[in-house]
Amino acid sequence: MINVISKPFKWFFKLEAASGLVLLFAAIIALIISNSNLSNLYFSTLNKYIFLGINEFGLKLSVIHWINDALMAIFFFFVTLEIKREFIQGELSNIKQALLPIIAAVGGMLVPALVYIYINYGDSETLNGWAIPSATDIAFSLGVLSLLGKRVPLSLKVFLTALAIIDDLGAIVIIALFYSGDLSIKYLTLMLIAFLVLLIINKFNIKKFLPYLIVGLFLWDFTHNSGIHATIAGVLLAMTIPHRKKEKDFSLLMKVEHSISPYVAFGIMPLFAFANAGVSLEGLSFNSLLDKVPLGIVLGLFLGKQFGVFIFSYISIKLKVAQMPNNTSWYNFYGVGVLTGIGFTMSLFVGNLAFVENMQYMDGVKIGVLTGSLLSTLFGYFLILLTPNK
């Protein structure tokens, strides 16, 4: 029975660890190319426009926007499938089990945002990036944990997984509420109609994915033109994919989730990293990190995340509102809190939205995210590695 229950977790952790290494490789390659003789080709390719469609029926976007708007909608679709499954019958379905990662995630989003706001207070342009250090990269953080082997108990890996999932949910809400453009009533109405059609399909318990996919494509186009970021279409579509606890023989949600998981982990996320991590390091100095945007991100990720996660968790456990993960020491728990400062994918994504009209800050965003994530990786890894086993 235990083997049956633990099998999906073992598969998941193995997959996330591998994808984390691929992500790291993609980011390193992007940094190398963007600081070589190929830099002009790299940036010009990302800014090249590609038309997909037939005659006037189609869409023309730059390569970077196809990646960040279209492919990342699939990533958000996948993440929301995970969130939905966890809330229905996973670690978040039991309120007692869910309380600790929920409280920790709130602290891990709130404190970094406050740190960034403090650093950038008074500057309305840079202040818009307040949400950048609030996100955790699940692939990287779990990848680091996997390298530590048995030093990290399964319960702590489950805690980090649940926290990162809730973190992603928070990022989705933030994107929908704070990083939307001018809204179009026409396309918002079409969005609503498409979503209602999806709910009807769900109501009839249709177990084929094709009808959801067809309506979902229209939903993405309507969302893209509505002023709300196009990735939210992936969230709305995932919410309508059926997954019912009583149906133990088949779940369309789990089938779709397992089918697209390798493509998201080893295709979409590394491609996003490659397209967004490239930044010229020419003229980079320590003083560059003292600019308000990178400094707010570095301090938010490296200090804000670990203190927010740990302090909120510590208080909730001491007040007996939540329970400590099994077989876990406070040192290991704190180390995992440090690893939540690995923002990378989601932080870069939010940075692109925050400064879409002020692209001059994007180099600072990339430098801040990469530096904060690297510090969190090294400090968290060696903190757990040097902690004596219980």
Foldseek 3Di string as FASTA:
>chain_A
DVCVVCVVVVVVLVLLLVLLVLLVVLLVVLAVCCADPNVVVLVVQQQDWDWDDDDPPTDIDGNLCCLLFPLVLLVLLLLLLVVVVCCQDNQNVDVQSLVLLLLLLVLLQPQLLVLLCVLCPPPVQLNLLSRLQSAFDLSNLSSLVVVLPPLDDPLLNVSLVSNNSVSVVVLLVCLQPRLFADFDPVLVVVLVVLLVVLLVCLVVVDLDCVVLVVSLVSNLVSCVPGRRRSSVSSNSSSVSQDDHPVCPPDGSSVVVSVVCVSCVSNPSSSVSSNSQLRAHCVPPDPVLCVPSNLVSNLCSLQPSQLCSSLVSSVVCCVVVVHHDGPQDDSQLSSLSSLQSSLRPPSSSSSVCSSCVVPCVCSNSSSNSNVNNNVNSSVVSSVSSNPDDRD
